[in-house]
């Protein structure tokens, strides 16, 4: 949903007087750089917007490294700045740098680069180590999490973060294997274990039987909901009056948090119902099927 995001977040920049200093749009989940490229092109193609800047943030060191190559020109001209950090740190980044932010984007999904990298263990589509960390130098891996958690804690993770109806069966199966032979070492081992643990009719559904469990474990390993809370409670308040924030979520828990935060007294909701991908986009990118986009504007004028 690049176009509605671009249209919404660029609009406040057009309201600035010509004498205004450069303002920033913040892509706080840089990922593969798709949204960043669209923002940079929009600024560069309009003389009235060309002075404005993009700040790209990502906790994934490989995402930052790829962006340095892809956007070498924009980095050299100062059109783009990059920071490796969690998006929950955006509030302090903006406070310390005094960058005037007029737009914030948070895309809570994973990039294709991340999901297709078997070494990260984010997906069961290819076999890899059971890690799941976006920043391998921080936190604990998924395998370590499964080695330390209790069965009750795992049930809670799977049911709350993955809305997995067979969370009890799956958690019990993982604990049984842990006691006998140890925690699965690879994504394929874990996925196969999950498939065996659910009832036969659930093994051949529309989505793979391990999809919700992997989603839940990715959220738990990377502390995604805690990061989102920090972004919504602190970082978006750093927006300039009239600035806009767009959040693209892929999970009902995330969407509910965004919906409630945007109802706060500091913001005007611009999307009464979340925007969703149309059929053409879903055909191009099946992962967009579950995407929900909400946009709000900070009260006041530019």
Foldseek 3Di string as FASTA:
>chain_A
DLVVQLVQQCVQLVVDDLPDAAAEAEEAACAQNPNVVVNQCVQCVDPSRVRHAYEYEEQQPVSVVNCCVVPVVCVVVRRYHYDNDHSLCQQVVCVVVVHAYQHYEAELDHHPVQAVPQQLQLDLPDKYFQALESYNVDFGGLQVVLLPDDLVVQLCLLCPQLVQPCSNQLSVLQVVCCVPPRGDGMNNVSLVSQLVRDDPVLCDDPDHSCVSVSRSSSCVRHVSVVSLVSCLPGNVVSHDAFGKYKYKDQGPVSVVVVVVSQPDPQKDWPPPFWDADDPVVCVVPVSSRRITMTMIGGHDGD
